[in-house]
Amino acid sequence: MINTISLTENRDFKRAYSKGKTAVHPLMAVYVVKNRKPLNRLGITTSKKIGSAVERNRARRIIREAFRQVESQLPTGLDIVVVARRKTVFAKTAGVTGGLLASCKKLGLLDGGRKAPSEPL
């Protein structure tokens, strides 16, 4: 991933959940908050409700690959937390990529979003 590192601190996840903007899709929920850094940080959450360790790892791999494909279209300076849902395990990467793009448009991160680009997150 070009301008992205992993989000690892629990406090950063909590900050995204409490102060971030949310977009929900049948395959995932996306939380976005500014991080005041020149790069993006990606965090992926998969709970035990999703299934076994194999299924949770598959969901993480699919989300990571979908984000890699969308990454070049996103602005920098964001903390992005993606919460996988049960359907993510059975989805193809193209479906998850489409869901991630739709969520980013809802959040105003891409052109065609609901918010004007000049508005802060």
N, C-alpha and C. Protein backbone atom coordinates (compact mmCIF):
# COMPACT_ATOMS: atom_id res chain seq x y z
N MET A 1 0.83 -1.17 0.00
CA MET A 1 0.00 0.00 0.00
C MET A 1 0.89 1.25 0.00
N ILE A 2 0.56 2.17 -0.85
CA ILE A 2 1.42 3.30 -1.14
C ILE A 2 1.57 4.25 0.05
N ASN A 3 0.50 4.93 0.44
CA ASN A 3 0.55 5.93 1.49
C ASN A 3 -0.19 5.48 2.74
N THR A 4 -0.16 4.19 3.03
CA THR A 4 -0.95 3.66 4.12
C THR A 4 -0.13 2.75 5.01
N ILE A 5 -0.33 2.90 6.33
CA ILE A 5 0.24 1.97 7.28
C ILE A 5 -0.90 1.40 8.11
N SER A 6 -0.60 0.40 8.93
CA SER A 6 -1.62 -0.24 9.74
C SER A 6 -1.95 0.58 10.98
N LEU A 7 -3.19 0.56 11.33
CA LEU A 7 -3.67 1.18 12.57
C LEU A 7 -3.62 0.10 13.64
N THR A 8 -2.85 0.32 14.71
CA THR A 8 -2.65 -0.75 15.68
C THR A 8 -3.09 -0.40 17.09
N GLU A 9 -3.11 0.87 17.44
CA GLU A 9 -3.42 1.27 18.81
C GLU A 9 -4.93 1.25 19.06
N ASN A 10 -5.33 0.68 20.18
CA ASN A 10 -6.73 0.60 20.55
C ASN A 10 -7.35 2.00 20.66
N ARG A 11 -6.59 2.97 21.16
CA ARG A 11 -7.12 4.33 21.31
C ARG A 11 -7.45 4.94 19.96
N ASP A 12 -6.70 4.58 18.91
CA ASP A 12 -6.99 5.11 17.58
C ASP A 12 -8.28 4.51 17.02
N PHE A 13 -8.50 3.22 17.28
CA PHE A 13 -9.76 2.59 16.87
C PHE A 13 -10.93 3.26 17.60
N LYS A 14 -10.79 3.44 18.91
CA LYS A 14 -11.86 4.06 19.70
C LYS A 14 -12.14 5.48 19.23
N ARG A 15 -11.09 6.22 18.86
CA ARG A 15 -11.27 7.58 18.35
C ARG A 15 -12.06 7.57 17.05
N ALA A 16 -11.77 6.62 16.18
CA ALA A 16 -12.51 6.51 14.92
C ALA A 16 -13.97 6.16 15.18
N TYR A 17 -14.22 5.27 16.13
CA TYR A 17 -15.60 4.88 16.42
C TYR A 17 -16.39 6.04 17.02
N SER A 18 -15.77 6.80 17.92
CA SER A 18 -16.51 7.84 18.61
C SER A 18 -16.59 9.16 17.84
N LYS A 19 -15.51 9.58 17.19
CA LYS A 19 -15.49 10.88 16.55
C LYS A 19 -15.57 10.83 15.03
N GLY A 20 -15.43 9.65 14.45
CA GLY A 20 -15.38 9.54 13.00
C GLY A 20 -16.74 9.53 12.34
N LYS A 21 -16.73 9.75 11.04
CA LYS A 21 -17.93 9.65 10.22
C LYS A 21 -18.10 8.18 9.83
N THR A 22 -19.35 7.75 9.67
CA THR A 22 -19.65 6.35 9.43
C THR A 22 -20.43 6.17 8.13
N ALA A 23 -20.09 5.10 7.42
CA ALA A 23 -20.87 4.68 6.26
C ALA A 23 -21.05 3.17 6.37
N VAL A 24 -22.28 2.72 6.23
CA VAL A 24 -22.59 1.30 6.39
C VAL A 24 -22.98 0.71 5.05
N HIS A 25 -22.49 -0.49 4.79
CA HIS A 25 -22.75 -1.24 3.57
C HIS A 25 -23.05 -2.67 4.02
N PRO A 26 -23.79 -3.45 3.25
CA PRO A 26 -24.07 -4.83 3.68
C PRO A 26 -22.81 -5.68 3.91
N LEU A 27 -21.70 -5.32 3.28
CA LEU A 27 -20.47 -6.10 3.44
C LEU A 27 -19.55 -5.56 4.53
N MET A 28 -19.73 -4.28 4.93
CA MET A 28 -18.80 -3.68 5.88
C MET A 28 -19.36 -2.38 6.43
N ALA A 29 -18.74 -1.93 7.50
CA ALA A 29 -18.99 -0.58 8.02
C ALA A 29 -17.65 0.14 7.99
N VAL A 30 -17.65 1.39 7.57
CA VAL A 30 -16.41 2.15 7.42
C VAL A 30 -16.49 3.39 8.31
N TYR A 31 -15.46 3.59 9.12
CA TYR A 31 -15.32 4.77 9.97
C TYR A 31 -14.10 5.54 9.49
N VAL A 32 -14.24 6.87 9.35
CA VAL A 32 -13.14 7.70 8.88
C VAL A 32 -13.02 8.92 9.78
N VAL A 33 -11.77 9.23 10.17
CA VAL A 33 -11.48 10.42 10.96
C VAL A 33 -10.11 10.95 10.51
N LYS A 34 -9.94 12.26 10.54
CA LYS A 34 -8.65 12.85 10.16
C LYS A 34 -7.59 12.51 11.21
N ASN A 35 -6.32 12.37 10.76
CA ASN A 35 -5.26 12.00 11.69
C ASN A 35 -4.10 12.99 11.76
N ARG A 36 -4.14 14.09 10.99
CA ARG A 36 -3.09 15.12 10.99
C ARG A 36 -1.72 14.58 10.64
N LYS A 37 -1.66 13.57 9.82
CA LYS A 37 -0.40 13.00 9.37
C LYS A 37 -0.41 12.99 7.84
N PRO A 38 0.75 12.91 7.21
CA PRO A 38 0.79 12.95 5.74
C PRO A 38 0.51 11.59 5.09
N LEU A 39 -0.10 10.68 5.83
CA LEU A 39 -0.41 9.36 5.29
C LEU A 39 -1.70 8.84 5.88
N ASN A 40 -2.23 7.80 5.27
CA ASN A 40 -3.43 7.16 5.77
C ASN A 40 -3.06 5.99 6.66
N ARG A 41 -3.94 5.68 7.60
CA ARG A 41 -3.76 4.50 8.43
C ARG A 41 -5.03 3.66 8.31
N LEU A 42 -4.86 2.37 8.06
CA LEU A 42 -5.98 1.46 7.86
C LEU A 42 -6.04 0.47 9.00
N GLY A 43 -7.22 0.34 9.59
CA GLY A 43 -7.47 -0.67 10.61
C GLY A 43 -8.62 -1.55 10.16
N ILE A 44 -8.48 -2.86 10.34
CA ILE A 44 -9.52 -3.80 9.94
C ILE A 44 -9.94 -4.58 11.18
N THR A 45 -11.25 -4.63 11.42
CA THR A 45 -11.78 -5.33 12.57
C THR A 45 -12.66 -6.48 12.09
N THR A 46 -12.40 -7.66 12.63
CA THR A 46 -13.24 -8.83 12.36
C THR A 46 -13.52 -9.50 13.70
N SER A 47 -14.78 -9.64 14.04
CA SER A 47 -15.13 -10.23 15.33
C SER A 47 -15.33 -11.74 15.17
N LYS A 48 -15.47 -12.41 16.28
CA LYS A 48 -15.69 -13.85 16.25
C LYS A 48 -17.05 -14.21 15.70
N LYS A 49 -17.96 -13.24 15.61
CA LYS A 49 -19.27 -13.49 15.02
C LYS A 49 -19.16 -13.83 13.54
N ILE A 50 -18.06 -13.43 12.92
CA ILE A 50 -17.86 -13.67 11.49
C ILE A 50 -17.62 -15.14 11.21
N GLY A 51 -16.94 -15.81 12.11
CA GLY A 51 -16.70 -17.24 11.92
C GLY A 51 -15.37 -17.65 12.50
N SER A 52 -14.85 -18.73 11.95
CA SER A 52 -13.59 -19.28 12.44
C SER A 52 -12.42 -18.38 12.06
N ALA A 53 -11.24 -18.70 12.57
CA ALA A 53 -10.05 -17.90 12.28
C ALA A 53 -9.77 -17.85 10.78
N VAL A 54 -10.01 -18.95 10.10
CA VAL A 54 -9.79 -18.99 8.65
C VAL A 54 -10.70 -17.99 7.95
N GLU A 55 -11.97 -17.95 8.36
CA GLU A 55 -12.91 -17.03 7.73
C GLU A 55 -12.59 -15.57 8.06
N ARG A 56 -12.18 -15.31 9.31
CA ARG A 56 -11.82 -13.95 9.68
C ARG A 56 -10.59 -13.48 8.91
N ASN A 57 -9.61 -14.35 8.74
CA ASN A 57 -8.42 -13.98 7.97
C ASN A 57 -8.76 -13.76 6.51
N ARG A 58 -9.66 -14.55 5.96
CA ARG A 58 -10.09 -14.34 4.57
C ARG A 58 -10.75 -12.98 4.42
N ALA A 59 -11.61 -12.62 5.37
CA ALA A 59 -12.27 -11.32 5.32
C ALA A 59 -11.24 -10.20 5.37
N ARG A 60 -10.24 -10.32 6.23
CA ARG A 60 -9.20 -9.29 6.31
C ARG A 60 -8.41 -9.19 5.01
N ARG A 61 -8.07 -10.33 4.43
CA ARG A 61 -7.32 -10.32 3.16
C ARG A 61 -8.12 -9.65 2.06
N ILE A 62 -9.41 -9.97 1.98
CA ILE A 62 -10.27 -9.39 0.94
C ILE A 62 -10.38 -7.87 1.13
N ILE A 63 -10.57 -7.44 2.36
CA ILE A 63 -10.70 -6.00 2.63
C ILE A 63 -9.38 -5.28 2.32
N ARG A 64 -8.26 -5.88 2.70
CA ARG A 64 -6.96 -5.27 2.43
C ARG A 64 -6.73 -5.10 0.93
N GLU A 65 -7.08 -6.13 0.15
CA GLU A 65 -6.90 -6.06 -1.30
C GLU A 65 -7.84 -5.02 -1.91
N ALA A 66 -9.08 -4.96 -1.43
CA ALA A 66 -10.03 -3.95 -1.94
C ALA A 66 -9.52 -2.55 -1.63
N PHE A 67 -8.98 -2.35 -0.43
CA PHE A 67 -8.45 -1.04 -0.08
C PHE A 67 -7.25 -0.69 -0.94
N ARG A 68 -6.42 -1.66 -1.24
CA ARG A 68 -5.26 -1.41 -2.09
C ARG A 68 -5.69 -0.88 -3.46
N GLN A 69 -6.80 -1.40 -3.97
CA GLN A 69 -7.28 -0.97 -5.28
C GLN A 69 -7.91 0.43 -5.23
N VAL A 70 -8.47 0.82 -4.10
CA VAL A 70 -9.15 2.10 -3.96
C VAL A 70 -8.22 3.19 -3.45
N GLU A 71 -7.12 2.80 -2.84
CA GLU A 71 -6.23 3.70 -2.11
C GLU A 71 -5.79 4.93 -2.91
N SER A 72 -5.47 4.77 -4.17
CA SER A 72 -4.95 5.89 -4.96
C SER A 72 -5.99 6.99 -5.16
N GLN A 73 -7.27 6.68 -4.99
CA GLN A 73 -8.34 7.66 -5.18
C GLN A 73 -8.65 8.45 -3.90
N LEU A 74 -8.09 8.02 -2.77
CA LEU A 74 -8.41 8.64 -1.49
C LEU A 74 -7.42 9.75 -1.15
N PRO A 75 -7.89 10.80 -0.44
CA PRO A 75 -6.96 11.82 0.05
C PRO A 75 -6.13 11.25 1.19
N THR A 76 -5.02 11.90 1.51
CA THR A 76 -4.18 11.44 2.61
C THR A 76 -4.57 12.15 3.90
N GLY A 77 -4.05 11.63 5.02
CA GLY A 77 -4.32 12.23 6.31
C GLY A 77 -5.55 11.68 7.00
N LEU A 78 -5.88 10.40 6.74
CA LEU A 78 -7.09 9.81 7.30
C LEU A 78 -6.78 8.55 8.09
N ASP A 79 -7.54 8.32 9.15
CA ASP A 79 -7.58 7.02 9.80
C ASP A 79 -8.86 6.35 9.32
N ILE A 80 -8.72 5.16 8.74
CA ILE A 80 -9.86 4.45 8.18
C ILE A 80 -9.97 3.12 8.90
N VAL A 81 -11.13 2.87 9.50
CA VAL A 81 -11.38 1.59 10.17
C VAL A 81 -12.50 0.89 9.41
N VAL A 82 -12.25 -0.33 8.97
CA VAL A 82 -13.24 -1.11 8.26
C VAL A 82 -13.64 -2.28 9.15
N VAL A 83 -14.92 -2.39 9.43
CA VAL A 83 -15.45 -3.47 10.25
C VAL A 83 -16.13 -4.46 9.32
N ALA A 84 -15.61 -5.67 9.28
CA ALA A 84 -16.15 -6.70 8.40
C ALA A 84 -17.47 -7.22 8.95
N ARG A 85 -18.33 -7.65 8.05
CA ARG A 85 -19.59 -8.27 8.41
C ARG A 85 -19.58 -9.71 7.92
N ARG A 86 -20.56 -10.48 8.32
CA ARG A 86 -20.62 -11.91 8.00
C ARG A 86 -20.57 -12.16 6.49
N LYS A 87 -21.23 -11.32 5.72
CA LYS A 87 -21.28 -11.51 4.26
C LYS A 87 -19.92 -11.29 3.59
N THR A 88 -19.01 -10.60 4.25
CA THR A 88 -17.71 -10.31 3.65
C THR A 88 -16.95 -11.59 3.33
N VAL A 89 -17.09 -12.59 4.16
CA VAL A 89 -16.37 -13.85 3.97
C VAL A 89 -16.75 -14.50 2.65
N PHE A 90 -17.99 -14.37 2.24
CA PHE A 90 -18.48 -15.05 1.04
C PHE A 90 -18.41 -14.18 -0.21
N ALA A 91 -17.97 -12.93 -0.07
CA ALA A 91 -17.94 -12.00 -1.19
C ALA A 91 -16.62 -12.12 -1.97
N LYS A 92 -16.68 -11.74 -3.21
CA LYS A 92 -15.49 -11.65 -4.05
C LYS A 92 -14.83 -10.28 -3.81
N THR A 93 -13.58 -10.19 -4.17
CA THR A 93 -12.84 -8.93 -3.97
C THR A 93 -13.50 -7.78 -4.73
N ALA A 94 -14.01 -8.05 -5.92
CA ALA A 94 -14.65 -6.99 -6.71
C ALA A 94 -15.88 -6.44 -6.00
N GLY A 95 -16.64 -7.30 -5.35
CA GLY A 95 -17.81 -6.85 -4.60
C GLY A 95 -17.43 -5.99 -3.41
N VAL A 96 -16.38 -6.38 -2.70
CA VAL A 96 -15.92 -5.61 -1.55
C VAL A 96 -15.34 -4.28 -2.01
N THR A 97 -14.63 -4.28 -3.15
CA THR A 97 -14.10 -3.03 -3.70
C THR A 97 -15.23 -2.06 -4.03
N GLY A 98 -16.29 -2.57 -4.63
CA GLY A 98 -17.45 -1.74 -4.94
C GLY A 98 -18.11 -1.19 -3.68
N GLY A 99 -18.21 -2.03 -2.65
CA GLY A 99 -18.78 -1.58 -1.39
C GLY A 99 -17.93 -0.53 -0.72
N LEU A 100 -16.61 -0.69 -0.79
CA LEU A 100 -15.70 0.29 -0.20
C LEU A 100 -15.78 1.62 -0.96
N LEU A 101 -15.85 1.55 -2.28
CA LEU A 101 -16.01 2.77 -3.08
C LEU A 101 -17.32 3.48 -2.75
N ALA A 102 -18.41 2.71 -2.63
CA ALA A 102 -19.70 3.30 -2.30
C ALA A 102 -19.65 3.97 -0.92
N SER A 103 -19.01 3.33 0.03
CA SER A 103 -18.89 3.90 1.38
C SER A 103 -18.06 5.17 1.35
N CYS A 104 -16.98 5.17 0.59
CA CYS A 104 -16.14 6.37 0.50
C CYS A 104 -16.89 7.52 -0.16
N LYS A 105 -17.73 7.22 -1.15
CA LYS A 105 -18.53 8.27 -1.78
C LYS A 105 -19.54 8.83 -0.79
N LYS A 106 -20.15 7.96 0.03
CA LYS A 106 -21.10 8.43 1.04
C LYS A 106 -20.42 9.37 2.03
N LEU A 107 -19.16 9.06 2.35
CA LEU A 107 -18.42 9.87 3.32
C LEU A 107 -17.83 11.14 2.70
N GLY A 108 -17.97 11.30 1.38
CA GLY A 108 -17.47 12.49 0.72
C GLY A 108 -15.98 12.45 0.43
N LEU A 109 -15.38 11.27 0.45
CA LEU A 109 -13.95 11.15 0.19
C LEU A 109 -13.64 11.12 -1.30
N LEU A 110 -14.61 10.75 -2.11
CA LEU A 110 -14.43 10.69 -3.56
C LEU A 110 -15.38 11.69 -4.20
N ASP A 111 -15.15 12.01 -5.46
CA ASP A 111 -16.07 12.88 -6.18
C ASP A 111 -17.43 12.22 -6.26
N GLY A 112 -18.45 13.01 -6.17
CA GLY A 112 -19.81 12.47 -6.23
C GLY A 112 -20.35 12.15 -4.85
N GLY A 113 -19.61 12.51 -3.80
CA GLY A 113 -20.09 12.27 -2.44
C GLY A 113 -21.16 13.26 -2.05
N ARG A 114 -21.76 13.06 -0.91
CA ARG A 114 -22.84 13.92 -0.44
C ARG A 114 -22.33 15.28 -0.01
N LYS A 115 -21.13 15.32 0.59
CA LYS A 115 -20.59 16.56 1.11
C LYS A 115 -19.74 17.27 0.06
N ALA A 116 -19.66 18.57 0.19
CA ALA A 116 -18.75 19.33 -0.68
C ALA A 116 -17.32 19.06 -0.23
N PRO A 117 -16.34 19.02 -1.15
CA PRO A 117 -14.96 18.73 -0.79
C PRO A 117 -14.37 19.71 0.20
N SER A 118 -14.89 20.93 0.27
CA SER A 118 -14.32 21.93 1.17
C SER A 118 -14.70 21.71 2.62
N GLU A 119 -15.74 20.90 2.88
CA GLU A 119 -16.17 20.66 4.25
C GLU A 119 -15.22 19.71 4.95
N PRO A 120 -14.87 19.97 6.19
CA PRO A 120 -14.00 19.05 6.92
C PRO A 120 -14.77 17.81 7.34
N LEU A 121 -14.02 16.74 7.62
CA LEU A 121 -14.66 15.50 8.08
C LEU A 121 -15.25 15.68 9.43
